[in-house]
Amino acid sequence: MKEELHRLQVLKSYLILDAEREESFERITALACRIFNVPIALVSLVDLGRQWFMSNRGLGSVRETPRKYAFCAHAILNKHNLLVVPDASKDFRFETNPLVTGPPNIRFYAGSPLVSPEGYKLGTLCIIDSKVRPEGLLDAEKATLRDLADMVV
């Protein structure tokens, strides 16, 4: 709990929550969509009760979702540096999530943490597809997603 409070303090200290979109982040999500051939890529920051999108490619005008539905909230808690969900409809953590059972019908998710200089995972760069990807990501693809995430922070 104490660690989460410190993480939230660091996140707030950057004064970026609810900021206007920046072209550099928009370019990174556009690039992620092209590289991974997915319809959705997000730069997501995980706040206390929500995830807020610094960049949203593929979800229209949506700027945030409740944290309780956020795949990215799981990604920042993941002990590994990358969360890959090949089929969200078959994963007990997400199978009843309204983002899986309804639009945008998430099946595949991969998120790489955005790590602050202090070492806190503030959010993710993630890629999302409505198609199952049973193979997940190849090692080279995981490295590419990590590299793109590092460009955000």
N, C-alpha and C. Protein backbone atom coordinates (compact mmCIF):
# COMPACT_ATOMS: atom_id res chain seq x y z
N MET A 1 0.82 -1.20 0.00
CA MET A 1 0.00 0.00 0.00
C MET A 1 0.87 1.26 0.00
N LYS A 2 1.91 1.23 0.82
CA LYS A 2 2.81 2.38 0.88
C LYS A 2 3.50 2.62 -0.47
N GLU A 3 3.89 1.51 -1.10
CA GLU A 3 4.53 1.59 -2.42
C GLU A 3 3.59 2.24 -3.44
N GLU A 4 2.31 1.86 -3.40
CA GLU A 4 1.32 2.42 -4.33
C GLU A 4 1.13 3.92 -4.07
N LEU A 5 1.14 4.33 -2.81
CA LEU A 5 1.01 5.77 -2.50
C LEU A 5 2.20 6.55 -3.06
N HIS A 6 3.39 5.99 -2.93
CA HIS A 6 4.58 6.65 -3.50
C HIS A 6 4.47 6.72 -5.03
N ARG A 7 4.01 5.64 -5.64
CA ARG A 7 3.85 5.61 -7.10
C ARG A 7 2.88 6.69 -7.54
N LEU A 8 1.76 6.82 -6.84
CA LEU A 8 0.77 7.85 -7.18
C LEU A 8 1.32 9.26 -6.99
N GLN A 9 2.13 9.46 -5.94
CA GLN A 9 2.74 10.77 -5.72
C GLN A 9 3.69 11.13 -6.86
N VAL A 10 4.48 10.16 -7.29
CA VAL A 10 5.40 10.40 -8.41
C VAL A 10 4.61 10.71 -9.67
N LEU A 11 3.56 9.94 -9.93
CA LEU A 11 2.71 10.18 -11.11
C LEU A 11 2.15 11.60 -11.09
N LYS A 12 1.61 12.02 -9.96
CA LYS A 12 1.02 13.37 -9.86
C LYS A 12 2.09 14.46 -9.99
N SER A 13 3.31 14.18 -9.56
CA SER A 13 4.38 15.18 -9.62
C SER A 13 4.74 15.55 -11.05
N TYR A 14 4.44 14.69 -12.00
CA TYR A 14 4.74 14.97 -13.40
C TYR A 14 3.76 15.95 -14.04
N LEU A 15 2.64 16.21 -13.38
CA LEU A 15 1.62 17.16 -13.86
C LEU A 15 1.18 16.86 -15.29
N ILE A 16 0.98 15.59 -15.59
CA ILE A 16 0.59 15.21 -16.95
C ILE A 16 -0.82 14.64 -17.04
N LEU A 17 -1.40 14.28 -15.89
CA LEU A 17 -2.76 13.74 -15.92
C LEU A 17 -3.71 14.80 -16.47
N ASP A 18 -4.55 14.41 -17.40
CA ASP A 18 -5.53 15.29 -18.04
C ASP A 18 -4.91 16.38 -18.91
N ALA A 19 -3.64 16.25 -19.25
CA ALA A 19 -2.99 17.22 -20.13
C ALA A 19 -3.47 17.01 -21.56
N GLU A 20 -3.21 17.99 -22.40
CA GLU A 20 -3.52 17.86 -23.82
C GLU A 20 -2.62 16.78 -24.44
N ARG A 21 -3.12 16.18 -25.48
CA ARG A 21 -2.32 15.16 -26.17
C ARG A 21 -1.09 15.79 -26.82
N GLU A 22 0.00 15.02 -26.81
CA GLU A 22 1.24 15.49 -27.41
C GLU A 22 1.53 14.69 -28.67
N GLU A 23 1.98 15.39 -29.68
CA GLU A 23 2.25 14.76 -30.98
C GLU A 23 3.24 13.61 -30.87
N SER A 24 4.25 13.74 -30.00
CA SER A 24 5.25 12.67 -29.90
C SER A 24 4.63 11.36 -29.43
N PHE A 25 3.69 11.43 -28.50
CA PHE A 25 3.03 10.21 -28.03
C PHE A 25 2.07 9.67 -29.08
N GLU A 26 1.42 10.57 -29.81
CA GLU A 26 0.53 10.14 -30.89
C GLU A 26 1.31 9.38 -31.97
N ARG A 27 2.52 9.84 -32.23
CA ARG A 27 3.35 9.17 -33.23
C ARG A 27 3.79 7.78 -32.75
N ILE A 28 4.06 7.66 -31.46
CA ILE A 28 4.48 6.35 -30.92
C ILE A 28 3.34 5.35 -31.00
N THR A 29 2.10 5.77 -30.66
CA THR A 29 0.99 4.82 -30.74
C THR A 29 0.66 4.48 -32.19
N ALA A 30 0.79 5.45 -33.09
CA ALA A 30 0.57 5.15 -34.51
C ALA A 30 1.61 4.15 -35.01
N LEU A 31 2.85 4.35 -34.60
CA LEU A 31 3.92 3.43 -34.97
C LEU A 31 3.67 2.03 -34.40
N ALA A 32 3.24 1.96 -33.16
CA ALA A 32 2.95 0.66 -32.53
C ALA A 32 1.86 -0.08 -33.29
N CYS A 33 0.82 0.64 -33.71
CA CYS A 33 -0.25 0.01 -34.49
C CYS A 33 0.29 -0.58 -35.79
N ARG A 34 1.17 0.17 -36.45
CA ARG A 34 1.73 -0.32 -37.72
C ARG A 34 2.68 -1.50 -37.52
N ILE A 35 3.56 -1.38 -36.55
CA ILE A 35 4.55 -2.44 -36.32
C ILE A 35 3.89 -3.76 -35.95
N PHE A 36 2.89 -3.69 -35.06
CA PHE A 36 2.27 -4.91 -34.54
C PHE A 36 0.98 -5.29 -35.25
N ASN A 37 0.59 -4.49 -36.23
CA ASN A 37 -0.62 -4.75 -37.00
C ASN A 37 -1.84 -4.94 -36.08
N VAL A 38 -2.04 -3.94 -35.21
CA VAL A 38 -3.18 -3.94 -34.29
C VAL A 38 -4.00 -2.68 -34.51
N PRO A 39 -5.29 -2.72 -34.19
CA PRO A 39 -6.13 -1.54 -34.37
C PRO A 39 -6.04 -0.53 -33.23
N ILE A 40 -5.50 -0.95 -32.08
CA ILE A 40 -5.49 -0.08 -30.90
C ILE A 40 -4.12 -0.08 -30.25
N ALA A 41 -3.63 1.12 -29.92
CA ALA A 41 -2.43 1.28 -29.10
C ALA A 41 -2.67 2.47 -28.19
N LEU A 42 -2.23 2.34 -26.95
CA LEU A 42 -2.47 3.38 -25.95
C LEU A 42 -1.21 3.68 -25.17
N VAL A 43 -1.06 4.95 -24.78
CA VAL A 43 -0.15 5.33 -23.72
C VAL A 43 -1.06 5.64 -22.56
N SER A 44 -1.02 4.77 -21.56
CA SER A 44 -1.98 4.80 -20.46
C SER A 44 -1.26 5.06 -19.15
N LEU A 45 -1.80 5.98 -18.36
CA LEU A 45 -1.29 6.22 -17.01
C LEU A 45 -2.33 5.73 -16.02
N VAL A 46 -1.89 4.98 -15.02
CA VAL A 46 -2.81 4.38 -14.06
C VAL A 46 -2.82 5.22 -12.79
N ASP A 47 -3.95 5.89 -12.56
CA ASP A 47 -4.18 6.74 -11.40
C ASP A 47 -4.89 5.91 -10.33
N LEU A 48 -5.33 6.54 -9.27
CA LEU A 48 -5.98 5.83 -8.16
C LEU A 48 -7.23 5.08 -8.60
N GLY A 49 -8.13 5.74 -9.31
CA GLY A 49 -9.39 5.11 -9.68
C GLY A 49 -9.63 4.98 -11.17
N ARG A 50 -8.65 5.31 -11.97
CA ARG A 50 -8.85 5.29 -13.43
C ARG A 50 -7.53 5.05 -14.14
N GLN A 51 -7.66 4.70 -15.41
CA GLN A 51 -6.51 4.78 -16.30
C GLN A 51 -6.83 5.90 -17.28
N TRP A 52 -5.87 6.76 -17.50
CA TRP A 52 -6.05 7.92 -18.37
C TRP A 52 -5.11 7.77 -19.55
N PHE A 53 -5.63 8.06 -20.74
CA PHE A 53 -4.85 7.86 -21.96
C PHE A 53 -4.15 9.14 -22.40
N MET A 54 -2.83 9.14 -22.33
CA MET A 54 -2.04 10.25 -22.87
C MET A 54 -2.11 10.23 -24.38
N SER A 55 -2.26 9.04 -24.93
CA SER A 55 -2.45 8.87 -26.37
C SER A 55 -3.36 7.68 -26.57
N ASN A 56 -4.27 7.83 -27.50
CA ASN A 56 -5.25 6.79 -27.79
C ASN A 56 -5.37 6.66 -29.29
N ARG A 57 -4.88 5.56 -29.81
CA ARG A 57 -5.01 5.28 -31.24
C ARG A 57 -5.98 4.11 -31.37
N GLY A 58 -7.17 4.38 -31.90
CA GLY A 58 -8.10 3.30 -32.18
C GLY A 58 -9.31 3.18 -31.28
N LEU A 59 -9.41 4.01 -30.24
CA LEU A 59 -10.58 3.97 -29.35
C LEU A 59 -11.44 5.23 -29.46
N GLY A 60 -11.31 5.93 -30.55
CA GLY A 60 -12.12 7.14 -30.73
C GLY A 60 -11.75 8.22 -29.74
N SER A 61 -12.75 8.85 -29.15
CA SER A 61 -12.51 9.99 -28.26
C SER A 61 -12.38 9.59 -26.79
N VAL A 62 -12.33 8.30 -26.50
CA VAL A 62 -12.22 7.84 -25.11
C VAL A 62 -10.90 8.33 -24.52
N ARG A 63 -10.97 8.95 -23.36
CA ARG A 63 -9.76 9.46 -22.70
C ARG A 63 -9.40 8.69 -21.43
N GLU A 64 -10.37 7.92 -20.88
CA GLU A 64 -10.09 7.18 -19.66
C GLU A 64 -11.09 6.04 -19.49
N THR A 65 -10.72 5.10 -18.63
CA THR A 65 -11.63 4.04 -18.21
C THR A 65 -11.41 3.84 -16.71
N PRO A 66 -12.40 3.27 -16.02
CA PRO A 66 -12.20 2.96 -14.60
C PRO A 66 -11.04 1.98 -14.41
N ARG A 67 -10.27 2.20 -13.36
CA ARG A 67 -9.11 1.33 -13.10
C ARG A 67 -9.53 -0.13 -12.96
N LYS A 68 -10.70 -0.38 -12.41
CA LYS A 68 -11.11 -1.77 -12.18
C LYS A 68 -11.25 -2.56 -13.48
N TYR A 69 -11.36 -1.86 -14.63
CA TYR A 69 -11.44 -2.54 -15.92
C TYR A 69 -10.13 -2.48 -16.70
N ALA A 70 -9.13 -1.84 -16.14
CA ALA A 70 -7.89 -1.55 -16.86
C ALA A 70 -6.93 -2.73 -16.90
N PHE A 71 -6.68 -3.24 -18.08
CA PHE A 71 -5.64 -4.25 -18.26
C PHE A 71 -4.30 -3.67 -17.79
N CYS A 72 -4.10 -2.39 -18.06
CA CYS A 72 -2.83 -1.74 -17.72
C CYS A 72 -2.58 -1.72 -16.22
N ALA A 73 -3.65 -1.72 -15.40
CA ALA A 73 -3.48 -1.80 -13.95
C ALA A 73 -2.86 -3.14 -13.56
N HIS A 74 -3.18 -4.18 -14.29
CA HIS A 74 -2.55 -5.49 -14.06
C HIS A 74 -1.11 -5.47 -14.55
N ALA A 75 -0.88 -4.80 -15.66
CA ALA A 75 0.47 -4.76 -16.24
C ALA A 75 1.46 -4.08 -15.30
N ILE A 76 1.04 -3.02 -14.60
CA ILE A 76 1.99 -2.33 -13.72
C ILE A 76 2.26 -3.12 -12.44
N LEU A 77 1.39 -4.07 -12.13
CA LEU A 77 1.59 -4.91 -10.95
C LEU A 77 2.29 -6.22 -11.29
N ASN A 78 2.41 -6.50 -12.57
CA ASN A 78 3.02 -7.74 -13.04
C ASN A 78 4.50 -7.76 -12.64
N LYS A 79 4.94 -8.87 -12.05
CA LYS A 79 6.34 -8.95 -11.62
C LYS A 79 7.30 -9.00 -12.81
N HIS A 80 6.78 -9.44 -13.96
CA HIS A 80 7.59 -9.43 -15.18
C HIS A 80 7.46 -8.03 -15.79
N ASN A 81 8.32 -7.71 -16.71
CA ASN A 81 8.30 -6.37 -17.29
C ASN A 81 7.32 -6.20 -18.43
N LEU A 82 6.57 -7.24 -18.74
CA LEU A 82 5.64 -7.18 -19.86
C LEU A 82 4.47 -8.09 -19.53
N LEU A 83 3.26 -7.61 -19.78
CA LEU A 83 2.08 -8.45 -19.62
C LEU A 83 1.54 -8.76 -21.01
N VAL A 84 1.44 -10.04 -21.32
CA VAL A 84 0.90 -10.48 -22.61
C VAL A 84 -0.29 -11.39 -22.32
N VAL A 85 -1.44 -11.04 -22.90
CA VAL A 85 -2.67 -11.82 -22.75
C VAL A 85 -3.09 -12.25 -24.15
N PRO A 86 -2.83 -13.50 -24.53
CA PRO A 86 -3.16 -13.96 -25.89
C PRO A 86 -4.66 -13.99 -26.19
N ASP A 87 -5.48 -14.34 -25.17
CA ASP A 87 -6.94 -14.40 -25.35
C ASP A 87 -7.62 -14.00 -24.05
N ALA A 88 -8.02 -12.75 -23.96
CA ALA A 88 -8.61 -12.22 -22.73
C ALA A 88 -9.91 -12.92 -22.36
N SER A 89 -10.62 -13.45 -23.35
CA SER A 89 -11.89 -14.12 -23.06
C SER A 89 -11.67 -15.46 -22.35
N LYS A 90 -10.43 -15.94 -22.34
CA LYS A 90 -10.10 -17.20 -21.68
C LYS A 90 -9.23 -16.99 -20.44
N ASP A 91 -8.97 -15.74 -20.08
CA ASP A 91 -8.13 -15.41 -18.94
C ASP A 91 -9.04 -15.03 -17.77
N PHE A 92 -8.91 -15.73 -16.64
CA PHE A 92 -9.81 -15.51 -15.50
C PHE A 92 -9.81 -14.06 -15.01
N ARG A 93 -8.72 -13.33 -15.21
CA ARG A 93 -8.67 -11.94 -14.76
C ARG A 93 -9.54 -11.02 -15.60
N PHE A 94 -9.81 -11.42 -16.84
CA PHE A 94 -10.47 -10.50 -17.78
C PHE A 94 -11.73 -11.04 -18.43
N GLU A 95 -12.05 -12.30 -18.26
CA GLU A 95 -13.14 -12.92 -19.03
C GLU A 95 -14.50 -12.25 -18.83
N THR A 96 -14.74 -11.59 -17.68
CA THR A 96 -16.02 -10.90 -17.46
C THR A 96 -15.90 -9.39 -17.59
N ASN A 97 -14.74 -8.91 -17.95
CA ASN A 97 -14.50 -7.48 -18.11
C ASN A 97 -15.37 -6.94 -19.25
N PRO A 98 -16.10 -5.83 -19.03
CA PRO A 98 -16.96 -5.29 -20.09
C PRO A 98 -16.20 -4.87 -21.35
N LEU A 99 -14.90 -4.63 -21.24
CA LEU A 99 -14.10 -4.30 -22.43
C LEU A 99 -13.78 -5.55 -23.24
N VAL A 100 -14.04 -6.72 -22.65
CA VAL A 100 -13.87 -8.01 -23.33
C VAL A 100 -15.22 -8.52 -23.83
N THR A 101 -16.24 -8.41 -22.98
CA THR A 101 -17.57 -8.93 -23.33
C THR A 101 -18.35 -8.01 -24.26
N GLY A 102 -17.91 -6.76 -24.35
CA GLY A 102 -18.53 -5.78 -25.25
C GLY A 102 -17.45 -4.97 -25.94
N PRO A 103 -17.86 -3.93 -26.68
CA PRO A 103 -16.88 -3.11 -27.38
C PRO A 103 -15.83 -2.56 -26.42
N PRO A 104 -14.58 -2.61 -26.80
CA PRO A 104 -13.99 -2.94 -28.10
C PRO A 104 -13.67 -4.42 -28.30
N ASN A 105 -14.26 -5.29 -27.46
CA ASN A 105 -14.09 -6.74 -27.62
C ASN A 105 -12.63 -7.18 -27.59
N ILE A 106 -11.93 -6.75 -26.55
CA ILE A 106 -10.51 -7.06 -26.42
C ILE A 106 -10.31 -8.57 -26.33
N ARG A 107 -9.41 -9.06 -27.14
CA ARG A 107 -8.96 -10.44 -27.05
C ARG A 107 -7.47 -10.46 -26.71
N PHE A 108 -6.68 -9.81 -27.54
CA PHE A 108 -5.23 -9.79 -27.33
C PHE A 108 -4.83 -8.47 -26.68
N TYR A 109 -3.93 -8.56 -25.70
CA TYR A 109 -3.39 -7.38 -25.04
C TYR A 109 -1.91 -7.65 -24.74
N ALA A 110 -1.09 -6.64 -24.97
CA ALA A 110 0.30 -6.68 -24.52
C ALA A 110 0.66 -5.28 -24.04
N GLY A 111 1.19 -5.19 -22.83
CA GLY A 111 1.54 -3.89 -22.27
C GLY A 111 2.92 -3.91 -21.65
N SER A 112 3.69 -2.88 -21.97
CA SER A 112 5.03 -2.71 -21.40
C SER A 112 5.00 -1.51 -20.47
N PRO A 113 5.48 -1.66 -19.24
CA PRO A 113 5.39 -0.57 -18.27
C PRO A 113 6.18 0.68 -18.68
N LEU A 114 5.63 1.81 -18.27
CA LEU A 114 6.32 3.09 -18.37
C LEU A 114 6.95 3.32 -17.00
N VAL A 115 8.25 3.18 -16.92
CA VAL A 115 8.94 3.21 -15.64
C VAL A 115 9.61 4.57 -15.45
N SER A 116 9.29 5.22 -14.32
CA SER A 116 9.86 6.53 -14.01
C SER A 116 11.33 6.38 -13.63
N PRO A 117 12.09 7.48 -13.64
CA PRO A 117 13.49 7.41 -13.20
C PRO A 117 13.61 6.89 -11.76
N GLU A 118 12.54 7.08 -10.97
CA GLU A 118 12.54 6.60 -9.58
C GLU A 118 12.24 5.11 -9.49
N GLY A 119 11.90 4.50 -10.63
CA GLY A 119 11.64 3.07 -10.66
C GLY A 119 10.19 2.67 -10.52
N TYR A 120 9.27 3.63 -10.55
CA TYR A 120 7.84 3.32 -10.41
C TYR A 120 7.20 3.09 -11.78
N LYS A 121 6.33 2.09 -11.84
CA LYS A 121 5.57 1.82 -13.06
C LYS A 121 4.34 2.72 -13.05
N LEU A 122 4.36 3.75 -13.89
CA LEU A 122 3.30 4.76 -13.90
C LEU A 122 2.15 4.40 -14.81
N GLY A 123 2.40 3.57 -15.78
CA GLY A 123 1.38 3.19 -16.75
C GLY A 123 2.01 2.25 -17.76
N THR A 124 1.44 2.22 -18.96
CA THR A 124 1.98 1.33 -19.99
C THR A 124 1.86 1.93 -21.38
N LEU A 125 2.66 1.39 -22.26
CA LEU A 125 2.38 1.47 -23.69
C LEU A 125 1.82 0.10 -24.00
N CYS A 126 0.59 0.07 -24.51
CA CYS A 126 -0.02 -1.23 -24.78
C CYS A 126 -0.58 -1.30 -26.18
N ILE A 127 -0.68 -2.53 -26.65
CA ILE A 127 -1.28 -2.81 -27.95
C ILE A 127 -2.43 -3.78 -27.72
N ILE A 128 -3.50 -3.59 -28.49
CA ILE A 128 -4.74 -4.33 -28.28
C ILE A 128 -5.31 -4.76 -29.62
N ASP A 129 -5.89 -5.97 -29.63
CA ASP A 129 -6.55 -6.45 -30.83
C ASP A 129 -7.83 -7.18 -30.44
N SER A 130 -8.80 -7.16 -31.34
CA SER A 130 -10.04 -7.91 -31.12
C SER A 130 -9.90 -9.35 -31.61
N LYS A 131 -8.73 -9.67 -32.11
CA LYS A 131 -8.45 -11.04 -32.57
C LYS A 131 -7.51 -11.71 -31.58
N VAL A 132 -7.77 -12.97 -31.31
CA VAL A 132 -6.90 -13.78 -30.45
C VAL A 132 -5.55 -13.94 -31.14
N ARG A 133 -4.50 -13.89 -30.33
CA ARG A 133 -3.15 -14.17 -30.83
C ARG A 133 -2.56 -15.26 -29.96
N PRO A 134 -2.88 -16.52 -30.26
CA PRO A 134 -2.45 -17.62 -29.39
C PRO A 134 -0.94 -17.67 -29.18
N GLU A 135 -0.20 -17.18 -30.15
CA GLU A 135 1.26 -17.19 -30.04
C GLU A 135 1.79 -16.05 -29.19
N GLY A 136 0.94 -15.10 -28.80
CA GLY A 136 1.40 -13.96 -28.01
C GLY A 136 2.32 -13.08 -28.83
N LEU A 137 3.50 -12.81 -28.30
CA LEU A 137 4.51 -12.02 -29.00
C LEU A 137 5.82 -12.80 -29.04
N LEU A 138 6.52 -12.68 -30.15
CA LEU A 138 7.87 -13.24 -30.25
C LEU A 138 8.81 -12.42 -29.38
N ASP A 139 9.95 -12.98 -29.03
CA ASP A 139 10.92 -12.26 -28.19
C ASP A 139 11.32 -10.93 -28.82
N ALA A 140 11.53 -10.92 -30.13
CA ALA A 140 11.92 -9.67 -30.81
C ALA A 140 10.79 -8.64 -30.73
N GLU A 141 9.54 -9.10 -30.79
CA GLU A 141 8.40 -8.17 -30.68
C GLU A 141 8.30 -7.62 -29.27
N LYS A 142 8.56 -8.45 -28.28
CA LYS A 142 8.56 -7.99 -26.88
C LYS A 142 9.61 -6.90 -26.70
N ALA A 143 10.79 -7.12 -27.26
CA ALA A 143 11.87 -6.14 -27.16
C ALA A 143 11.47 -4.83 -27.84
N THR A 144 10.80 -4.92 -28.98
CA THR A 144 10.36 -3.72 -29.70
C THR A 144 9.33 -2.96 -28.88
N LEU A 145 8.38 -3.66 -28.27
CA LEU A 145 7.38 -2.99 -27.44
C LEU A 145 8.04 -2.31 -26.24
N ARG A 146 9.01 -2.98 -25.62
CA ARG A 146 9.75 -2.36 -24.51
C ARG A 146 10.49 -1.10 -24.98
N ASP A 147 11.12 -1.18 -26.13
CA ASP A 147 11.85 -0.02 -26.66
C ASP A 147 10.91 1.16 -26.90
N LEU A 148 9.74 0.89 -27.48
CA LEU A 148 8.77 1.96 -27.71
C LEU A 148 8.30 2.56 -26.39
N ALA A 149 8.07 1.71 -25.39
CA ALA A 149 7.65 2.20 -24.07
C ALA A 149 8.73 3.09 -23.46
N ASP A 150 9.98 2.69 -23.62
CA ASP A 150 11.09 3.50 -23.09
C ASP A 150 11.15 4.87 -23.76
N MET A 151 10.70 4.96 -25.00
CA MET A 151 10.69 6.25 -25.71
C MET A 151 9.65 7.20 -25.11
N VAL A 152 8.62 6.65 -24.47
CA VAL A 152 7.58 7.49 -23.86
C VAL A 152 8.12 8.20 -22.63
N VAL A 153 8.88 7.49 -21.82
CA VAL A 153 9.42 8.08 -20.58
C VAL A 153 10.81 8.51 -20.79
